[in-house]
């Protein structure tokens, strides 16, 4: 028996497949889910979800949302998601540097919040690309 995982963004279904295990970026830290997990509803943070398919780990970037675990079915509703295959590591590194600089230069509270969100997204992209290259 495996986990049935669906990742749904507002504009598309990002993932709909089975896996052995996942690690979610929850709002309280990393959350590992195996088959037979108790029912759970949790907030998802911006970060990298790792999906284990047999012996391989596949990273997927999640941009916040919620996850429900019930009867070996995991439904993840997200604001956005990106597959690592769509990321150029060089561009991701450049965007991380720009996001860091933008946060340092932000003056208003609104600009600081927006810059922080952009920095977290940029970090997740670089982290996911590094996981895939290792």
C-alpha atoms as a PDB file:
ATOM      1  CA  UNK A   1       0.000   0.000   0.000  1.00  0.00           C
ATOM      2  CA  UNK A   2       1.271   3.485  -0.882  1.00  0.00           C
ATOM      3  CA  UNK A   3       0.245   7.082  -0.414  1.00  0.00           C
ATOM      4  CA  UNK A   4      -1.981   8.695  -3.034  1.00  0.00           C
ATOM      5  CA  UNK A   5      -0.879  12.310  -3.381  1.00  0.00           C
ATOM      6  CA  UNK A   6      -2.666  15.152  -5.152  1.00  0.00           C
ATOM      7  CA  UNK A   7      -1.234  18.660  -5.286  1.00  0.00           C
ATOM      8  CA  UNK A   8      -3.775  21.151  -6.545  1.00  0.00           C
ATOM      9  CA  UNK A   9      -2.996  24.776  -7.414  1.00  0.00           C
ATOM     10  CA  UNK A  10      -5.644  27.314  -8.467  1.00  0.00           C
ATOM     11  CA  UNK A  11      -4.818  26.856 -12.152  1.00  0.00           C
ATOM     12  CA  UNK A  12      -3.885  23.157 -12.419  1.00  0.00           C
ATOM     13  CA  UNK A  13      -3.286  19.811 -10.762  1.00  0.00           C
ATOM     14  CA  UNK A  14       0.477  19.792 -10.227  1.00  0.00           C
ATOM     15  CA  UNK A  15       0.848  16.191  -9.043  1.00  0.00           C
ATOM     16  CA  UNK A  16      -1.507  13.217  -8.953  1.00  0.00           C
ATOM     17  CA  UNK A  17       0.407  10.019  -8.277  1.00  0.00           C
ATOM     18  CA  UNK A  18       1.414   7.490  -5.635  1.00  0.00           C
ATOM     19  CA  UNK A  19       4.535   7.587  -3.483  1.00  0.00           C
ATOM     20  CA  UNK A  20       6.115   5.749  -0.584  1.00  0.00           C
ATOM     21  CA  UNK A  21       6.670   8.778   1.642  1.00  0.00           C
ATOM     22  CA  UNK A  22       6.527  12.575   1.610  1.00  0.00           C
ATOM     23  CA  UNK A  23       8.055  15.327   3.695  1.00  0.00           C
ATOM     24  CA  UNK A  24       5.955  18.493   3.830  1.00  0.00           C
ATOM     25  CA  UNK A  25       7.114  22.019   4.703  1.00  0.00           C
ATOM     26  CA  UNK A  26       4.464  22.685   7.352  1.00  0.00           C
ATOM     27  CA  UNK A  27       4.103  25.912   9.285  1.00  0.00           C
ATOM     28  CA  UNK A  28       5.584  24.155  12.347  1.00  0.00           C
ATOM     29  CA  UNK A  29       8.540  22.520  10.566  1.00  0.00           C
ATOM     30  CA  UNK A  30       9.159  19.517   8.333  1.00  0.00           C
ATOM     31  CA  UNK A  31       6.418  16.895   8.539  1.00  0.00           C
ATOM     32  CA  UNK A  32       7.047  13.328   7.360  1.00  0.00           C
ATOM     33  CA  UNK A  33       4.093  11.230   6.203  1.00  0.00           C
ATOM     34  CA  UNK A  34       4.170   7.465   5.708  1.00  0.00           C
ATOM     35  CA  UNK A  35       1.334   5.051   4.891  1.00  0.00           C
ATOM     36  CA  UNK A  36      -1.019   4.521   7.816  1.00  0.00           C
ATOM     37  CA  UNK A  37      -0.571   8.077   9.143  1.00  0.00           C
ATOM     38  CA  UNK A  38      -3.342   9.348  11.403  1.00  0.00           C
ATOM     39  CA  UNK A  39      -5.796  11.851   9.896  1.00  0.00           C
ATOM     40  CA  UNK A  40      -4.298  15.327   9.846  1.00  0.00           C
ATOM     41  CA  UNK A  41      -5.002  18.822   8.570  1.00  0.00           C
ATOM     42  CA  UNK A  42      -2.010  21.179   8.504  1.00  0.00           C
ATOM     43  CA  UNK A  43      -0.928  24.511   7.072  1.00  0.00           C
ATOM     44  CA  UNK A  44       1.780  24.338   4.415  1.00  0.00           C
ATOM     45  CA  UNK A  45       4.570  26.899   4.393  1.00  0.00           C
ATOM     46  CA  UNK A  46       6.610  28.108   1.433  1.00  0.00           C
ATOM     47  CA  UNK A  47       9.244  25.440   0.967  1.00  0.00           C
ATOM     48  CA  UNK A  48      10.289  22.187  -0.609  1.00  0.00           C
ATOM     49  CA  UNK A  49       8.141  19.074  -0.410  1.00  0.00           C
ATOM     50  CA  UNK A  50      10.076  15.869  -0.938  1.00  0.00           C
ATOM     51  CA  UNK A  51       8.354  12.848  -2.473  1.00  0.00           C
ATOM     52  CA  UNK A  52       9.972   9.400  -2.267  1.00  0.00           C
ATOM     53  CA  UNK A  53       9.321   7.238  -5.296  1.00  0.00           C
ATOM     54  CA  UNK A  54      10.922   3.867  -4.544  1.00  0.00           C
ATOM     55  CA  UNK A  55      14.532   4.914  -3.741  1.00  0.00           C
ATOM     56  CA  UNK A  56      14.516   8.331  -5.426  1.00  0.00           C
ATOM     57  CA  UNK A  57      13.496  11.635  -3.844  1.00  0.00           C
ATOM     58  CA  UNK A  58      11.715  14.218  -5.999  1.00  0.00           C
ATOM     59  CA  UNK A  59      11.542  17.815  -4.733  1.00  0.00           C
ATOM     60  CA  UNK A  60       8.497  19.979  -5.494  1.00  0.00           C
ATOM     61  CA  UNK A  61       8.280  23.614  -4.445  1.00  0.00           C
ATOM     62  CA  UNK A  62       5.089  24.541  -2.592  1.00  0.00           C
ATOM     63  CA  UNK A  63       4.089  28.177  -2.175  1.00  0.00           C
ATOM     64  CA  UNK A  64       1.877  27.888   0.900  1.00  0.00           C
ATOM     65  CA  UNK A  65      -1.493  26.258   1.437  1.00  0.00           C
ATOM     66  CA  UNK A  66      -3.046  23.359   3.344  1.00  0.00           C
ATOM     67  CA  UNK A  67      -2.674  19.579   3.397  1.00  0.00           C
ATOM     68  CA  UNK A  68      -5.157  16.923   4.473  1.00  0.00           C
ATOM     69  CA  UNK A  69      -4.036  13.382   5.292  1.00  0.00           C
ATOM     70  CA  UNK A  70      -6.741  10.721   5.536  1.00  0.00           C
ATOM     71  CA  UNK A  71      -6.784   6.989   4.715  1.00  0.00           C
ATOM     72  CA  UNK A  72      -3.424   7.102   2.863  1.00  0.00           C
ATOM     73  CA  UNK A  73      -4.739   9.921   0.662  1.00  0.00           C
ATOM     74  CA  UNK A  74      -2.988  13.263   0.836  1.00  0.00           C
ATOM     75  CA  UNK A  75      -4.628  16.281  -0.725  1.00  0.00           C
ATOM     76  CA  UNK A  76      -2.511  19.417  -0.835  1.00  0.00           C
ATOM     77  CA  UNK A  77      -4.174  22.682  -1.822  1.00  0.00           C
ATOM     78  CA  UNK A  78      -1.537  25.304  -2.586  1.00  0.00           C
ATOM     79  CA  UNK A  79      -1.327  28.894  -3.739  1.00  0.00           C
ATOM     80  CA  UNK A  80       1.236  27.728  -6.277  1.00  0.00           C
ATOM     81  CA  UNK A  81       3.697  24.926  -6.942  1.00  0.00           C
ATOM     82  CA  UNK A  82       6.713  24.427  -9.160  1.00  0.00           C
ATOM     83  CA  UNK A  83       8.494  21.344 -10.371  1.00  0.00           C
ATOM     84  CA  UNK A  84      12.265  21.506 -10.091  1.00  0.00           C
ATOM     85  CA  UNK A  85      12.671  20.521 -13.733  1.00  0.00           C
ATOM     86  CA  UNK A  86      11.328  23.995 -14.574  1.00  0.00           C
ATOM     87  CA  UNK A  87      14.098  25.766 -12.603  1.00  0.00           C
ATOM     88  CA  UNK A  88      17.459  27.009 -13.935  1.00  0.00           C
ATOM     89  CA  UNK A  89      19.840  26.904 -10.948  1.00  0.00           C
ATOM     90  CA  UNK A  90      21.881  29.892 -12.160  1.00  0.00           C
ATOM     91  CA  UNK A  91      18.792  32.078 -12.518  1.00  0.00           C
ATOM     92  CA  UNK A  92      17.499  30.826  -9.161  1.00  0.00           C
ATOM     93  CA  UNK A  93      20.769  31.858  -7.479  1.00  0.00           C
ATOM     94  CA  UNK A  94      20.617  35.297  -9.115  1.00  0.00           C
ATOM     95  CA  UNK A  95      17.001  35.728  -7.983  1.00  0.00           C
ATOM     96  CA  UNK A  96      17.982  34.749  -4.434  1.00  0.00           C
ATOM     97  CA  UNK A  97      20.671  37.434  -4.398  1.00  0.00           C
ATOM     98  CA  UNK A  98      18.220  40.036  -5.754  1.00  0.00           C
ATOM     99  CA  UNK A  99      15.572  39.035  -3.208  1.00  0.00           C
ATOM    100  CA  UNK A 100      18.088  39.338  -0.370  1.00  0.00           C
ATOM    101  CA  UNK A 101      19.087  42.790  -1.575  1.00  0.00           C
ATOM    102  CA  UNK A 102      15.445  43.868  -1.998  1.00  0.00           C
ATOM    103  CA  UNK A 103      14.695  42.862   1.587  1.00  0.00           C
ATOM    104  CA  UNK A 104      17.656  44.861   2.866  1.00  0.00           C
ATOM    105  CA  UNK A 105      16.452  47.909   0.919  1.00  0.00           C
ATOM    106  CA  UNK A 106      12.741  47.611   1.825  1.00  0.00           C
ATOM    107  CA  UNK A 107      11.471  50.561   3.826  1.00  0.00           C
ATOM    108  CA  UNK A 108       7.725  50.265   4.359  1.00  0.00           C
ATOM    109  CA  UNK A 109       6.100  47.367   6.199  1.00  0.00           C
ATOM    110  CA  UNK A 110       4.308  46.356   3.009  1.00  0.00           C
ATOM    111  CA  UNK A 111       7.577  46.288   1.061  1.00  0.00           C
ATOM    112  CA  UNK A 112       9.270  44.267   3.828  1.00  0.00           C
ATOM    113  CA  UNK A 113       6.480  41.673   3.865  1.00  0.00           C
ATOM    114  CA  UNK A 114       6.522  41.352   0.081  1.00  0.00           C
ATOM    115  CA  UNK A 115      10.335  41.159   0.004  1.00  0.00           C
ATOM    116  CA  UNK A 116      10.322  38.494   2.730  1.00  0.00           C
ATOM    117  CA  UNK A 117       7.839  36.353   0.766  1.00  0.00           C
ATOM    118  CA  UNK A 118       9.928  36.712  -2.390  1.00  0.00           C
ATOM    119  CA  UNK A 119      13.083  35.774  -0.468  1.00  0.00           C
ATOM    120  CA  UNK A 120      11.418  32.640   0.947  1.00  0.00           C
ATOM    121  CA  UNK A 121      10.293  31.596  -2.544  1.00  0.00           C
ATOM    122  CA  UNK A 122      13.779  32.190  -3.958  1.00  0.00           C
ATOM    123  CA  UNK A 123      15.367  30.150  -1.151  1.00  0.00           C
ATOM    124  CA  UNK A 124      12.937  27.276  -1.782  1.00  0.00           C
ATOM    125  CA  UNK A 125      13.801  27.249  -5.500  1.00  0.00           C
ATOM    126  CA  UNK A 126      17.552  27.132  -4.803  1.00  0.00           C
ATOM    127  CA  UNK A 127      17.087  24.465  -2.111  1.00  0.00           C
ATOM    128  CA  UNK A 128      14.985  22.290  -4.431  1.00  0.00           C
ATOM    129  CA  UNK A 129      17.444  22.645  -7.319  1.00  0.00           C
ATOM    130  CA  UNK A 130      20.306  21.668  -4.991  1.00  0.00           C
ATOM    131  CA  UNK A 131      18.389  18.587  -3.763  1.00  0.00           C
ATOM    132  CA  UNK A 132      17.917  17.455  -7.350  1.00  0.00           C
ATOM    133  CA  UNK A 133      21.580  18.000  -8.300  1.00  0.00           C
ATOM    134  CA  UNK A 134      22.863  15.937  -5.319  1.00  0.00           C
END
